[in-house]
Amino acid sequence: MEPLRVPVPEGARLSVGVLDPDSGRSAVYGDGSYDAASVVKVGVLAALLLGAQDADRDLTAAERDRAARMIGRSDNASATALWDAIGGAPGLDAAHRRLGLTATVGGADGYWGLTRTTAQDQLILLRHVFAPSPVLAPASRAYLAGLMASVVPGQRWGVSVVGPGALKNGWFPRDATGRWVVHSVGRASGAGGDRLLAVLTEGTASHADGIALVESAARAAVGAFAGPA
């Protein structure tokens, strides 16, 4: 694999992971943990689905409505309701342990967006959603993947720059600095086949700058990944 060549603005940082779900081959460029922002909503729904599997039940109509709003529109009130339903940070952490995430920690005091995560952990979670999983049932995987493929048009930026697929984005400005956290995770289909991508950034001067960095990194990661192993 070739080195990742992405110009990162001064004061910003970046970590990006890419995985071929067919071969399992993966690479992560950059390191460190990041506040998850709304990409944590994928983990929240995975935890809810695991709980439903354990209880041998379907999601309720209210849970389905909240899940659709949480993923499709990034609705925060729905996310808070489902965060509470899974037991908050302890519930999320327990689900993540079952899924094999080792470096993600649920946000304290109800602040789910301040869950800390890594690109590597996000790839692990995406693989459970978009490839056969020993933990998530096929119906759970299909439901979550379907919601990620149905986000509203205004939120289809990010890893989708590589090709059509399914995604969840996250973003917020820091209160203290006005600098932005901007992420995109999901599956994209391009000329080389399906790729799972997790792009985490922080420190850009604007939301638009964050999107530009995410999309530049997604393209570069797929290109570098296609280079010699």
Protein backbone atom coordinates (compact mmCIF):
# COMPACT_ATOMS: atom_id res chain seq x y z
CA MET A 1 0.00 0.00 0.00
CA GLU A 2 1.18 3.46 -0.85
CA PRO A 3 1.49 6.28 1.69
CA LEU A 4 -1.53 8.51 2.18
CA ARG A 5 -1.02 11.90 0.55
CA VAL A 6 -3.59 14.34 1.86
CA PRO A 7 -2.91 18.00 2.67
CA VAL A 8 -4.19 18.55 6.22
CA PRO A 9 -4.93 22.18 7.18
CA GLU A 10 -2.86 23.69 9.96
CA GLY A 11 -4.39 22.88 13.33
CA ALA A 12 -6.40 19.94 12.00
CA ARG A 13 -5.79 16.21 12.27
CA LEU A 14 -7.02 13.16 10.43
CA SER A 15 -7.32 9.40 10.70
CA VAL A 16 -8.76 7.24 7.95
CA GLY A 17 -9.33 3.50 7.70
CA VAL A 18 -10.24 1.43 4.64
CA LEU A 19 -11.23 -2.24 4.48
CA ASP A 20 -12.07 -4.67 1.69
CA PRO A 21 -15.01 -6.66 3.11
CA ASP A 22 -14.42 -9.56 0.73
CA SER A 23 -10.77 -10.22 1.57
CA GLY A 24 -10.66 -8.65 5.04
CA ARG A 25 -7.58 -6.67 4.00
CA SER A 26 -7.44 -3.28 5.71
CA ALA A 27 -5.27 -0.26 6.37
CA VAL A 28 -5.44 2.66 8.78
CA TYR A 29 -3.64 5.93 8.12
CA GLY A 30 -3.15 8.22 11.09
CA ASP A 31 -4.02 7.34 14.66
CA GLY A 32 -5.51 8.69 17.85
CA SER A 33 -9.05 8.83 19.20
CA TYR A 34 -11.72 11.36 18.33
CA ASP A 35 -15.05 12.51 19.72
CA ALA A 36 -17.46 10.41 17.71
CA ALA A 37 -20.17 13.03 17.12
CA SER A 38 -23.10 11.47 15.29
CA VAL A 39 -21.23 8.49 13.86
CA VAL A 40 -21.83 6.97 17.31
CA LYS A 41 -25.45 6.54 16.24
CA VAL A 42 -24.44 3.44 14.26
CA GLY A 43 -23.15 1.88 17.47
CA VAL A 44 -26.24 2.95 19.39
CA LEU A 45 -28.49 1.19 16.90
CA ALA A 46 -26.25 -1.88 16.85
CA ALA A 47 -26.54 -2.04 20.64
CA LEU A 48 -30.34 -1.72 20.44
CA LEU A 49 -30.50 -4.51 17.87
CA LEU A 50 -28.26 -6.76 19.96
CA GLY A 51 -30.56 -6.23 22.94
CA ALA A 52 -33.59 -7.11 20.82
CA GLN A 53 -31.82 -10.23 19.56
CA ASP A 54 -31.04 -11.27 23.14
CA ALA A 55 -34.70 -10.84 24.08
CA ASP A 56 -35.84 -12.66 20.91
CA ARG A 57 -38.06 -9.76 19.91
CA ASP A 58 -38.51 -7.30 17.07
CA LEU A 59 -37.96 -3.60 17.55
CA THR A 60 -41.11 -1.77 18.57
CA ALA A 61 -42.78 0.71 16.25
CA ALA A 62 -41.47 3.56 18.40
CA GLU A 63 -37.92 2.16 18.30
CA ARG A 64 -38.08 1.81 14.53
CA ASP A 65 -39.34 5.36 14.13
CA ARG A 66 -36.55 6.70 16.33
CA ALA A 67 -33.92 4.57 14.59
CA ALA A 68 -35.02 5.79 11.17
CA ARG A 69 -34.87 9.41 12.31
CA MET A 70 -31.55 8.92 14.12
CA ILE A 71 -29.77 7.41 11.13
CA GLY A 72 -31.65 8.90 8.20
CA ARG A 73 -31.87 12.49 9.48
CA SER A 74 -29.29 12.41 12.29
CA ASP A 75 -32.05 13.44 14.70
CA ASN A 76 -30.49 14.05 18.10
CA ALA A 77 -33.66 13.72 20.20
CA SER A 78 -34.19 10.22 18.77
CA ALA A 79 -30.55 9.37 19.49
CA THR A 80 -30.92 10.49 23.10
CA ALA A 81 -34.04 8.35 23.53
CA LEU A 82 -32.31 5.26 22.13
CA TRP A 83 -29.12 6.01 24.08
CA ASP A 84 -31.23 5.90 27.23
CA ALA A 85 -32.96 2.72 26.04
CA ILE A 86 -29.66 0.83 25.66
CA GLY A 87 -28.49 1.93 29.11
CA GLY A 88 -26.33 4.88 28.12
CA ALA A 89 -22.55 4.60 28.03
CA PRO A 90 -22.39 1.28 29.96
CA GLY A 91 -24.84 -0.28 27.52
CA LEU A 92 -22.95 1.03 24.51
CA ASP A 93 -19.61 -0.14 25.93
CA ALA A 94 -21.00 -3.62 26.61
CA ALA A 95 -22.30 -3.92 23.05
CA HIS A 96 -19.02 -2.68 21.64
CA ARG A 97 -17.11 -5.29 23.63
CA ARG A 98 -19.30 -8.00 22.10
CA LEU A 99 -18.55 -6.59 18.67
CA GLY A 100 -14.81 -6.48 19.29
CA LEU A 101 -14.27 -2.73 19.58
CA THR A 102 -11.44 -2.15 22.05
CA ALA A 103 -10.70 1.58 21.90
CA THR A 104 -14.17 3.15 21.96
CA VAL A 105 -15.57 4.55 25.22
CA GLY A 106 -19.11 5.86 25.66
CA GLY A 107 -19.52 9.54 26.44
CA ALA A 108 -19.99 10.48 30.09
CA ASP A 109 -22.98 12.23 31.66
CA GLY A 110 -25.30 11.47 28.74
CA TYR A 111 -23.14 13.19 26.13
CA TRP A 112 -23.25 10.44 23.53
CA GLY A 113 -21.54 12.66 20.94
CA LEU A 114 -18.44 12.77 23.16
CA THR A 115 -17.97 9.00 22.90
CA ARG A 116 -14.31 8.51 22.01
CA THR A 117 -13.51 6.26 19.07
CA THR A 118 -10.86 5.40 16.48
CA ALA A 119 -10.88 4.72 12.75
CA GLN A 120 -9.84 1.13 13.45
CA ASP A 121 -12.80 0.53 15.76
CA GLN A 122 -15.17 2.08 13.26
CA LEU A 123 -13.93 -0.35 10.60
CA ILE A 124 -14.63 -3.24 12.97
CA LEU A 125 -18.18 -2.02 13.51
CA LEU A 126 -18.75 -1.44 9.79
CA ARG A 127 -17.58 -4.96 9.02
CA HIS A 128 -20.25 -6.35 11.35
CA VAL A 129 -22.85 -4.35 9.44
CA PHE A 130 -21.71 -4.92 5.87
CA ALA A 131 -20.13 -8.39 6.01
CA PRO A 132 -21.22 -11.64 7.67
CA SER A 133 -21.12 -11.16 11.44
CA PRO A 134 -20.89 -13.72 14.26
CA VAL A 135 -22.71 -11.25 16.51
CA LEU A 136 -25.27 -9.25 14.54
CA ALA A 137 -28.01 -11.40 13.00
CA PRO A 138 -28.56 -11.10 9.23
CA ALA A 139 -31.87 -9.30 9.75
CA SER A 140 -30.23 -6.80 12.12
CA ARG A 141 -27.40 -6.19 9.65
CA ALA A 142 -29.82 -5.67 6.76
CA TYR A 143 -31.95 -3.26 8.79
CA LEU A 144 -29.00 -1.11 9.88
CA ALA A 145 -27.41 -1.14 6.43
CA GLY A 146 -30.72 -0.19 4.87
CA LEU A 147 -31.10 2.86 7.09
CA MET A 148 -27.54 3.93 6.30
CA ALA A 149 -28.39 3.68 2.60
CA SER A 150 -31.40 5.98 3.09
CA VAL A 151 -29.96 9.13 4.65
CA VAL A 152 -31.47 12.40 3.49
CA PRO A 153 -29.82 13.93 0.40
CA GLY A 154 -28.23 16.80 2.32
CA GLN A 155 -26.22 14.32 4.41
CA ARG A 156 -24.86 12.15 1.60
CA TRP A 157 -21.46 13.82 1.54
CA GLY A 158 -18.31 12.12 2.83
CA VAL A 159 -17.30 8.58 1.95
CA SER A 160 -19.95 8.55 -0.80
CA VAL A 161 -17.51 10.64 -2.86
CA VAL A 162 -15.81 7.31 -3.65
CA GLY A 163 -19.02 5.75 -4.95
CA PRO A 164 -22.63 4.99 -4.00
CA GLY A 165 -23.33 3.01 -0.88
CA ALA A 166 -24.43 3.59 2.71
CA LEU A 167 -23.08 5.94 5.34
CA LYS A 168 -23.44 7.92 8.54
CA ASN A 169 -21.82 11.28 9.04
CA GLY A 170 -21.14 13.32 12.15
CA TRP A 171 -20.21 16.94 12.79
CA PHE A 172 -20.18 19.66 15.43
CA PRO A 173 -18.21 22.83 16.24
CA ARG A 174 -16.15 23.09 19.40
CA ASP A 175 -17.63 25.62 21.79
CA ALA A 176 -14.24 26.87 22.94
CA THR A 177 -12.52 27.28 19.56
CA GLY A 178 -15.19 27.21 16.86
CA ARG A 179 -13.12 24.50 15.14
CA TRP A 180 -15.03 21.58 13.68
CA VAL A 181 -15.24 17.83 14.23
CA VAL A 182 -16.34 16.23 10.93
CA HIS A 183 -16.52 12.47 10.27
CA SER A 184 -17.91 10.05 7.71
CA VAL A 185 -18.17 6.25 7.97
CA GLY A 186 -19.77 3.68 5.70
CA ARG A 187 -19.57 1.53 2.59
CA ALA A 188 -18.80 2.86 -0.88
CA SER A 189 -18.83 0.95 -4.16
CA GLY A 190 -16.24 1.95 -6.73
CA ALA A 191 -14.33 0.48 -9.65
CA GLY A 192 -12.29 -1.70 -7.29
CA GLY A 193 -15.36 -3.12 -5.55
CA ASP A 194 -16.91 -2.36 -2.18
CA ARG A 195 -14.80 -0.56 0.40
CA LEU A 196 -15.60 0.16 4.03
CA LEU A 197 -14.31 3.57 5.06
CA ALA A 198 -13.98 5.46 8.33
CA VAL A 199 -12.72 9.03 8.07
CA LEU A 200 -12.33 11.01 11.31
CA THR A 201 -11.21 14.64 11.39
CA GLU A 202 -11.05 17.51 13.82
CA GLY A 203 -9.74 21.05 13.88
CA THR A 204 -10.92 22.41 10.52
CA ALA A 205 -12.00 26.04 10.43
CA SER A 206 -15.48 25.31 9.06
CA HIS A 207 -17.96 22.54 8.37
CA ALA A 208 -17.28 22.90 4.64
CA ASP A 209 -13.52 22.60 5.20
CA GLY A 210 -14.15 19.46 7.24
CA ILE A 211 -16.22 17.90 4.46
CA ALA A 212 -13.52 18.76 1.93
CA LEU A 213 -10.87 17.10 4.10
CA VAL A 214 -13.02 14.01 4.68
CA GLU A 215 -13.68 13.58 0.97
CA SER A 216 -10.07 14.19 -0.02
CA ALA A 217 -8.96 11.62 2.56
CA ALA A 218 -11.54 9.06 1.40
CA ARG A 219 -10.34 9.32 -2.20
CA ALA A 220 -6.69 9.19 -1.21
CA ALA A 221 -7.17 6.21 1.11
CA VAL A 222 -8.90 4.16 -1.57
CA GLY A 223 -6.17 5.07 -4.04
CA ALA A 224 -3.36 4.21 -1.63
CA PHE A 225 -5.11 0.99 -0.64
CA ALA A 226 -5.20 -0.09 -4.28
CA GLY A 227 -1.43 0.26 -4.50
CA PRO A 228 1.06 -2.58 -3.98
CA ALA A 229 0.50 -4.46 -0.71
